[in-house]
Amino acid sequence: MATVTSDDDVLTTPALDTEAVNLLQMISNEGGYAYVSMSTRAANGDLRAAEAAREMAWEQLHSGPWHSVLPVWRDAYSMACLYVAKFHYRNREFVEALRVLDMGLIMGGMLLRKDLELAVGKATERANDLVRVSDESVVNGGDNHKLVTNQNEINMIQVLQILPKKSLSCKLVSKRSALSLEGFMRDYFLSGSPVLLSDSMTHWPARTKWNDLNYLKRVAGYRTVPVEVGKNYLCNDWKQEMLTFSDFLERIRANGPDVPTYLAQHPLFDQIQELRNDIVIPDYCFAGGTEMKSVNAWFGPAGTVTPLHHDPHHNILAQVVGKKYVRLYPASLSEELYPHTESMLKNSSQVDLDNIDPDEFPKFQDLEFMDCILEEGDMLYIPPKWWHYVRSLTTSLSVSFWWSASPSSPTS
């Protein structure tokens, strides 16, 4: 008697079913004959062939600088991830299926993205059916389920001891409450001046949801994310790892003496729709005939540092959970900030604000700057090319919104 397979036992992949033949032809045209052979066998039920195809595509993704990777190999990687995930899903290995699917979302192309997203939704639902995140607030009581509590309140005397010299002693960034879009454009956007914006994200679901560990684990705990390990990207001991979001949250909560783990500048909200639904693009990002460039997550424990650097776009940094210190220097001081000479690091300063060497960087000593403490619920507008240094004072969950003005905008 034939075995009946229900829809719940398989991952459906309509885009893959439609595009497979054309995609394999394109891969073959690029010399990927071995991949085509393995992928064809994978489609016919060979798990080892599916793993081999994924490994071949992975090697192509790492054959040179990311911008030089042919898009067809990113789609090939997505295809192989879908084949591998199908096997795990059919064997009820839903967490492993999610890990593979997330790698497809992070590293793969756009051709099969809808299939990956649909598969993630289905695998997440099945994983949650098997293992529900325990409600620690009931078991342990109190604030154990919170990332940041009143116990995390900062002591300003202690904070000033760890911040760069002269912090909070010069010019503070102007702070405006519930500033209108018109006022923002008139007073800050057109002049290219930073401003601290309060009371502009009270309507975000993230403001209450993201401080709840149980919520974060429930909607994203099984998902795989890329994290940075080390002081910052300019240090020799810096590296990247892949972790489940749940394991990452536990590292944040533990925040031991080891080097910090930081989820930095990652398009998390393209990957995890449930978290995207918790935030709202600020109205300020529509100044200047907007083209949104990216929305990125910056999640980490106290002590994480983004070294002094500048970005090419308008930037709103929204502080959802915790507190950060930010220092800013105008673009006009670029020469005095000693940018790196290597092309990949030209937007980063050689000056380590946590350990300034006055002999090596004499021009830096007396430069004027402005700074601020970014509190929960605050947004900071950072104009293009303004240099900024950021340090988390507590466990911190932040979101950055990058946008560019239209060519006809006065700020372009």
Protein backbone atom coordinates (compact mmCIF):
# COMPACT_ATOMS: atom_id res chain seq x y z
CA MET A 1 0.00 0.00 0.00
CA ALA A 2 1.44 3.39 -0.99
CA THR A 3 2.47 5.83 1.78
CA VAL A 4 0.41 9.00 1.80
CA THR A 5 2.45 12.17 2.37
CA SER A 6 0.58 15.17 3.75
CA ASP A 7 1.40 18.79 2.95
CA ASP A 8 2.73 19.17 6.51
CA ASP A 9 5.43 16.57 5.80
CA VAL A 10 7.03 18.40 2.88
CA LEU A 11 8.35 21.85 2.08
CA THR A 12 6.73 23.18 -1.06
CA THR A 13 9.00 25.17 -3.37
CA PRO A 14 6.96 26.65 -6.25
CA ALA A 15 9.69 29.04 -7.44
CA LEU A 16 12.30 26.28 -7.43
CA ASP A 17 9.99 23.96 -9.33
CA THR A 18 9.49 26.65 -11.98
CA GLU A 19 13.03 28.02 -12.22
CA ALA A 20 15.21 24.92 -11.71
CA VAL A 21 15.76 24.04 -15.38
CA ASN A 22 16.69 27.59 -16.41
CA LEU A 23 18.89 28.07 -13.35
CA LEU A 24 20.80 24.85 -13.96
CA GLN A 25 21.36 25.91 -17.58
CA MET A 26 22.81 29.23 -16.41
CA ILE A 27 25.07 27.43 -13.93
CA SER A 28 26.20 25.06 -16.66
CA ASN A 29 27.03 28.07 -18.88
CA GLU A 30 29.40 29.25 -16.12
CA GLY A 31 31.15 25.89 -16.05
CA GLY A 32 29.32 24.50 -13.04
CA TYR A 33 28.85 21.02 -14.52
CA ALA A 34 29.63 19.17 -11.28
CA TYR A 35 27.11 21.34 -9.41
CA VAL A 36 24.44 20.60 -12.02
CA SER A 37 25.08 16.88 -11.69
CA MET A 38 24.84 16.98 -7.88
CA SER A 39 21.79 19.23 -7.91
CA THR A 40 19.96 16.96 -10.34
CA ARG A 41 20.63 14.00 -8.06
CA ALA A 42 19.52 16.05 -5.06
CA ALA A 43 16.20 16.79 -6.76
CA ASN A 44 15.73 13.03 -7.11
CA GLY A 45 16.21 12.39 -3.39
CA ASP A 46 19.96 12.15 -2.78
CA LEU A 47 20.89 13.97 0.45
CA ARG A 48 24.65 13.53 -0.01
CA ALA A 49 24.39 15.06 -3.45
CA ALA A 50 22.42 18.00 -1.99
CA GLU A 51 25.13 18.60 0.62
CA ALA A 52 27.82 18.34 -2.07
CA ALA A 53 26.00 20.88 -4.25
CA ARG A 54 25.71 23.27 -1.32
CA GLU A 55 29.42 22.94 -0.61
CA MET A 56 30.29 23.62 -4.27
CA ALA A 57 28.17 26.77 -4.29
CA TRP A 58 29.67 27.84 -0.95
CA GLU A 59 33.17 27.61 -2.43
CA GLN A 60 32.09 29.82 -5.33
CA LEU A 61 30.71 32.40 -2.88
CA HIS A 62 34.14 32.57 -1.25
CA SER A 63 36.24 32.55 -4.43
CA GLY A 64 36.92 36.29 -4.25
CA PRO A 65 35.51 39.63 -3.02
CA TRP A 66 31.75 39.49 -2.47
CA HIS A 67 31.00 42.05 -5.19
CA SER A 68 32.77 39.86 -7.75
CA VAL A 69 30.66 36.74 -7.05
CA LEU A 70 28.37 35.95 -9.99
CA PRO A 71 24.68 36.26 -8.98
CA VAL A 72 23.97 32.82 -10.47
CA TRP A 73 26.13 31.21 -7.76
CA ARG A 74 24.16 32.94 -5.04
CA ASP A 75 21.00 31.48 -6.56
CA ALA A 76 22.75 28.13 -6.82
CA TYR A 77 23.47 28.28 -3.11
CA SER A 78 19.80 29.03 -2.36
CA MET A 79 18.76 26.07 -4.51
CA ALA A 80 21.06 23.66 -2.68
CA CYS A 81 19.91 25.00 0.71
CA LEU A 82 16.30 24.29 -0.25
CA TYR A 83 17.13 20.71 -1.25
CA VAL A 84 19.02 20.06 2.00
CA ALA A 85 16.29 21.70 4.11
CA LYS A 86 13.65 19.50 2.46
CA PHE A 87 15.40 16.39 3.74
CA HIS A 88 15.68 17.72 7.29
CA TYR A 89 12.06 18.85 7.29
CA ARG A 90 10.82 15.50 6.05
CA ASN A 91 12.78 13.85 8.90
CA ARG A 92 11.19 16.27 11.39
CA GLU A 93 14.55 17.92 12.02
CA PHE A 94 12.93 21.34 11.94
CA VAL A 95 15.64 23.29 13.79
CA GLU A 96 18.31 21.97 11.42
CA ALA A 97 16.08 22.82 8.47
CA LEU A 98 15.80 26.39 9.77
CA ARG A 99 19.57 26.67 10.11
CA VAL A 100 20.06 25.68 6.48
CA LEU A 101 17.25 27.94 5.25
CA ASP A 102 18.70 30.93 7.11
CA MET A 103 22.06 30.37 5.45
CA GLY A 104 20.20 30.51 2.15
CA LEU A 105 18.58 33.81 3.14
CA ILE A 106 21.84 35.32 4.37
CA MET A 107 24.15 34.17 1.57
CA GLY A 108 21.83 33.27 -1.31
CA GLY A 109 20.35 35.25 -4.18
CA MET A 110 16.90 36.69 -4.77
CA LEU A 111 15.54 34.22 -7.34
CA LEU A 112 14.36 31.67 -4.77
CA ARG A 113 13.94 33.98 -1.78
CA LYS A 114 10.14 33.57 -1.64
CA ASP A 115 10.58 29.79 -1.35
CA LEU A 116 13.11 30.26 1.46
CA GLU A 117 10.80 32.63 3.34
CA LEU A 118 7.78 30.33 2.95
CA ALA A 119 9.85 27.37 4.11
CA VAL A 120 11.15 29.31 7.13
CA GLY A 121 7.59 30.14 8.18
CA LYS A 122 6.49 26.52 7.93
CA ALA A 123 9.57 25.10 9.70
CA THR A 124 9.33 27.69 12.47
CA GLU A 125 5.71 26.77 13.13
CA ARG A 126 6.54 23.08 13.32
CA ALA A 127 9.58 23.67 15.56
CA ASN A 128 7.50 25.75 17.95
CA ASP A 129 4.86 23.03 18.03
CA LEU A 130 7.46 20.56 19.30
CA VAL A 131 9.30 22.74 21.80
CA ARG A 132 7.67 25.77 23.35
CA VAL A 133 9.91 28.36 24.98
CA SER A 134 9.33 28.16 28.73
CA ASP A 135 7.88 31.24 30.42
CA GLU A 136 10.74 32.19 32.71
CA SER A 137 8.76 35.10 34.13
CA VAL A 138 6.37 32.59 35.69
CA VAL A 139 8.97 30.02 36.73
CA ASN A 140 11.54 32.41 38.15
CA GLY A 141 9.42 35.50 38.64
CA GLY A 142 10.33 39.18 38.40
CA ASP A 143 12.68 40.50 35.75
CA ASN A 144 14.49 37.28 34.79
CA HIS A 145 12.93 37.35 31.35
CA LYS A 146 14.07 40.91 30.64
CA LEU A 147 17.24 41.87 28.81
CA VAL A 148 17.57 45.20 30.61
CA THR A 149 16.18 45.87 34.11
CA ASN A 150 16.44 48.66 36.64
CA GLN A 151 19.55 46.89 37.90
CA ASN A 152 21.19 47.86 34.63
CA GLU A 153 20.86 51.58 35.36
CA ILE A 154 24.14 53.32 34.62
CA ASN A 155 26.27 55.14 37.19
CA MET A 156 27.51 58.31 35.49
CA ILE A 157 30.70 58.44 37.56
CA GLN A 158 31.60 54.93 36.44
CA VAL A 159 30.51 55.64 32.87
CA LEU A 160 32.79 58.66 32.57
CA GLN A 161 35.73 56.48 33.64
CA ILE A 162 35.25 54.13 30.67
CA LEU A 163 34.30 56.70 28.03
CA PRO A 164 36.91 58.49 25.89
CA LYS A 165 38.57 61.52 27.46
CA LYS A 166 36.55 64.76 27.61
CA SER A 167 33.25 62.89 27.01
CA LEU A 168 30.08 64.84 27.86
CA SER A 169 32.16 67.90 28.74
CA CYS A 170 32.01 69.83 25.46
CA LYS A 171 28.99 70.38 23.25
CA LEU A 172 25.99 68.11 23.68
CA VAL A 173 23.85 67.19 20.67
CA SER A 174 20.65 69.25 20.61
CA LYS A 175 17.61 67.32 21.82
CA ARG A 176 14.11 67.87 20.45
CA SER A 177 10.90 66.20 21.59
CA ALA A 178 8.30 65.05 19.04
CA LEU A 179 9.88 67.23 16.35
CA SER A 180 7.75 67.61 13.21
CA LEU A 181 9.10 66.53 9.83
CA GLU A 182 8.96 70.16 8.70
CA GLY A 183 10.95 71.26 11.75
CA PHE A 184 13.47 68.46 11.24
CA MET A 185 14.06 69.46 7.63
CA ARG A 186 14.25 73.18 8.35
CA ASP A 187 16.48 73.07 11.43
CA TYR A 188 18.71 70.03 10.90
CA PHE A 189 18.36 68.12 7.61
CA LEU A 190 19.02 71.03 5.25
CA SER A 191 21.94 72.31 7.32
CA GLY A 192 23.40 68.83 7.84
CA SER A 193 23.36 69.04 11.64
CA PRO A 194 22.93 66.13 14.07
CA VAL A 195 19.94 66.13 16.42
CA LEU A 196 18.66 63.87 19.19
CA LEU A 197 14.97 63.09 18.67
CA SER A 198 12.80 61.93 21.58
CA ASP A 199 9.17 60.77 21.79
CA SER A 200 9.10 59.66 18.15
CA MET A 201 8.89 55.88 18.53
CA THR A 202 6.39 55.38 21.35
CA HIS A 203 4.09 53.59 18.88
CA TRP A 204 6.65 50.91 17.99
CA PRO A 205 5.70 47.42 19.24
CA ALA A 206 9.44 46.81 19.64
CA ARG A 207 9.56 49.31 22.51
CA THR A 208 7.82 46.82 24.80
CA LYS A 209 8.38 43.49 23.05
CA TRP A 210 12.15 43.51 22.53
CA ASN A 211 13.07 43.70 26.21
CA ASP A 212 11.29 40.35 26.70
CA LEU A 213 13.62 37.39 26.22
CA ASN A 214 10.69 35.00 25.95
CA TYR A 215 9.23 36.97 23.05
CA LEU A 216 12.54 37.22 21.19
CA LYS A 217 13.21 33.50 21.59
CA ARG A 218 9.71 32.58 20.53
CA VAL A 219 9.74 34.56 17.27
CA ALA A 220 13.42 34.18 16.37
CA GLY A 221 15.17 31.80 18.77
CA TYR A 222 15.82 29.05 16.22
CA ARG A 223 17.01 31.44 13.51
CA THR A 224 20.69 31.65 12.52
CA VAL A 225 22.38 35.07 12.48
CA PRO A 226 25.93 36.31 11.75
CA VAL A 227 27.70 37.90 14.72
CA GLU A 228 31.00 39.66 15.28
CA VAL A 229 33.30 38.44 18.06
CA GLY A 230 36.04 40.74 19.33
CA LYS A 231 36.48 44.36 20.37
CA ASN A 232 35.73 45.75 16.89
CA TYR A 233 36.39 45.19 13.21
CA LEU A 234 39.73 47.04 13.31
CA CYS A 235 41.28 44.63 15.85
CA ASN A 236 43.34 41.59 14.97
CA ASP A 237 41.30 39.23 17.15
CA TRP A 238 38.02 40.19 15.45
CA LYS A 239 36.13 37.37 13.72
CA GLN A 240 32.65 36.40 12.59
CA GLU A 241 30.51 33.44 13.67
CA MET A 242 27.09 32.01 12.93
CA LEU A 243 24.85 31.47 15.98
CA THR A 244 21.21 30.76 16.63
CA PHE A 245 19.49 33.91 17.83
CA SER A 246 18.68 32.13 21.11
CA ASP A 247 22.36 31.33 21.75
CA PHE A 248 23.26 34.92 20.87
CA LEU A 249 20.74 36.28 23.39
CA GLU A 250 22.20 34.04 26.08
CA ARG A 251 25.68 35.39 25.32
CA ILE A 252 24.31 38.92 25.65
CA ARG A 253 22.69 38.12 28.98
CA ALA A 254 25.79 36.40 30.35
CA ASN A 255 28.18 39.14 29.09
CA GLY A 256 31.16 37.44 30.69
CA PRO A 257 34.77 38.64 30.73
CA ASP A 258 35.47 37.19 27.29
CA VAL A 259 35.43 39.33 24.16
CA PRO A 260 31.95 40.68 23.33
CA THR A 261 29.61 39.18 20.74
CA TYR A 262 27.88 41.76 18.57
CA LEU A 263 25.16 41.44 15.93
CA ALA A 264 26.26 44.49 13.96
CA GLN A 265 24.99 46.10 10.74
CA HIS A 266 23.00 43.03 9.77
CA PRO A 267 19.77 43.28 7.69
CA LEU A 268 17.96 41.20 10.32
CA PHE A 269 14.56 42.56 9.36
CA ASP A 270 14.83 41.29 5.81
CA GLN A 271 15.52 37.89 7.33
CA ILE A 272 13.02 37.75 10.20
CA GLN A 273 9.67 39.30 9.30
CA GLU A 274 8.25 39.05 12.83
CA LEU A 275 10.90 41.52 14.06
CA ARG A 276 10.37 43.75 11.03
CA ASN A 277 6.71 44.05 12.02
CA ASP A 278 7.80 45.52 15.38
CA ILE A 279 9.45 48.62 13.94
CA VAL A 280 8.32 51.55 11.77
CA ILE A 281 10.42 53.57 9.34
CA PRO A 282 10.57 57.04 10.95
CA ASP A 283 8.91 59.90 9.08
CA TYR A 284 12.24 61.72 9.19
CA CYS A 285 13.62 59.16 6.73
CA PHE A 286 11.30 60.60 4.08
CA ALA A 287 13.14 63.93 4.05
CA GLY A 288 14.74 64.85 0.76
CA GLY A 289 12.90 62.58 -1.67
CA THR A 290 13.99 59.40 0.03
CA GLU A 291 15.53 56.25 -1.32
CA MET A 292 15.89 53.80 1.57
CA LYS A 293 19.28 52.11 1.44
CA SER A 294 19.21 49.72 4.37
CA VAL A 295 17.63 48.97 7.74
CA ASN A 296 20.10 47.20 10.03
CA ALA A 297 20.18 45.71 13.52
CA TRP A 298 22.83 46.48 16.13
CA PHE A 299 22.30 44.12 19.08
CA GLY A 300 24.90 43.48 21.77
CA PRO A 301 25.97 43.59 25.43
CA ALA A 302 27.44 46.49 27.36
CA GLY A 303 30.92 47.39 26.17
CA THR A 304 30.47 46.80 22.44
CA VAL A 305 32.17 49.53 20.43
CA THR A 306 31.85 50.77 16.87
CA PRO A 307 35.11 52.67 16.24
CA LEU A 308 35.27 56.18 14.81
CA HIS A 309 34.06 56.08 11.18
CA HIS A 310 31.68 57.77 8.75
CA ASP A 311 28.93 56.51 6.44
CA PRO A 312 27.84 57.80 3.01
CA HIS A 313 24.11 58.12 3.76
CA HIS A 314 21.68 59.95 6.02
CA ASN A 315 21.28 57.87 9.17
CA ILE A 316 18.69 57.62 11.94
CA LEU A 317 19.96 55.46 14.81
CA ALA A 318 16.95 54.37 16.90
CA GLN A 319 17.57 53.10 20.44
CA VAL A 320 14.97 50.45 21.28
CA VAL A 321 16.44 48.80 24.39
CA GLY A 322 19.26 50.04 26.63
CA LYS A 323 21.63 53.02 26.32
CA LYS A 324 24.53 54.07 24.14
CA TYR A 325 27.13 56.81 24.10
CA VAL A 326 27.74 58.50 20.72
CA ARG A 327 30.47 61.01 19.80
CA LEU A 328 30.36 62.98 16.53
CA TYR A 329 32.87 64.97 14.46
CA PRO A 330 31.91 66.93 11.32
CA ALA A 331 33.12 65.86 7.89
CA SER A 332 35.23 69.04 7.68
CA LEU A 333 37.65 67.52 10.22
CA SER A 334 38.37 64.38 8.21
CA GLU A 335 42.07 65.11 7.71
CA GLU A 336 42.61 65.65 11.46
CA LEU A 337 40.91 62.29 12.18
CA TYR A 338 43.60 60.32 10.30
CA PRO A 339 41.55 58.03 8.03
CA HIS A 340 43.05 54.66 7.13
CA THR A 341 44.77 54.65 3.76
CA GLU A 342 43.57 51.17 2.71
CA SER A 343 40.63 51.44 0.31
CA MET A 344 38.39 49.12 2.37
CA LEU A 345 38.93 51.17 5.55
CA LYS A 346 39.05 54.74 4.25
CA ASN A 347 35.86 55.55 6.14
CA SER A 348 37.47 54.52 9.46
CA SER A 349 39.83 56.54 11.63
CA GLN A 350 43.20 55.26 12.79
CA VAL A 351 42.58 56.98 16.13
CA ASP A 352 41.43 54.60 18.85
CA LEU A 353 39.30 56.84 21.07
CA ASP A 354 39.66 54.38 23.94
CA ASN A 355 43.45 54.61 23.82
CA ILE A 356 44.52 57.83 22.11
CA ASP A 357 48.21 58.22 21.27
CA PRO A 358 48.89 62.00 21.20
CA ASP A 359 52.35 61.56 19.69
CA GLU A 360 51.07 59.53 16.74
CA PHE A 361 47.97 61.70 16.18
CA PRO A 362 48.88 65.24 17.32
CA LYS A 363 46.17 66.98 15.24
CA PHE A 364 43.45 65.07 17.04
CA GLN A 365 44.01 66.32 20.58
CA ASP A 366 42.08 69.60 20.62
CA LEU A 367 39.38 68.88 18.06
CA GLU A 368 35.87 69.99 18.95
CA PHE A 369 33.12 67.39 18.91
CA MET A 370 29.57 66.90 20.09
CA ASP A 371 28.25 63.87 21.95
CA CYS A 372 25.24 62.45 23.74
CA ILE A 373 23.80 59.50 25.61
CA LEU A 374 21.18 57.76 23.49
CA GLU A 375 18.40 56.69 25.86
CA GLU A 376 15.68 54.12 25.23
CA GLY A 377 13.14 55.65 22.86
CA ASP A 378 15.59 58.21 21.43
CA MET A 379 16.65 58.55 17.80
CA LEU A 380 19.86 60.21 16.66
CA TYR A 381 20.12 61.82 13.23
CA ILE A 382 23.67 61.48 11.84
CA PRO A 383 24.21 63.41 8.58
CA PRO A 384 26.25 61.85 5.74
CA LYS A 385 30.03 61.79 6.23
CA TRP A 386 29.83 62.81 9.89
CA TRP A 387 32.33 60.75 11.87
CA HIS A 388 30.90 58.87 14.83
CA TYR A 389 32.03 56.58 17.63
CA VAL A 390 29.47 54.44 19.47
CA ARG A 391 29.72 52.52 22.76
CA SER A 392 26.97 50.46 24.41
CA LEU A 393 26.57 51.41 28.08
CA THR A 394 24.13 48.58 28.78
CA THR A 395 22.78 45.64 26.83
CA SER A 396 21.56 47.43 23.74
CA LEU A 397 19.19 46.77 20.83
CA SER A 398 19.33 49.49 18.16
CA VAL A 399 18.12 49.93 14.59
CA SER A 400 19.76 52.11 11.93
CA PHE A 401 17.89 53.53 8.95
CA TRP A 402 20.05 54.64 6.02
CA TRP A 403 18.58 56.71 3.21
CA SER A 404 19.78 58.97 0.42
CA ALA A 405 18.23 62.18 -0.78
CA SER A 406 17.10 62.53 -4.38
CA PRO A 407 19.49 64.33 -6.79
CA SER A 408 17.21 67.39 -6.72
CA SER A 409 17.37 67.67 -2.93
CA PRO A 410 19.36 70.65 -1.54
CA THR A 411 21.39 68.22 0.56
CA SER A 412 22.55 66.08 -2.40
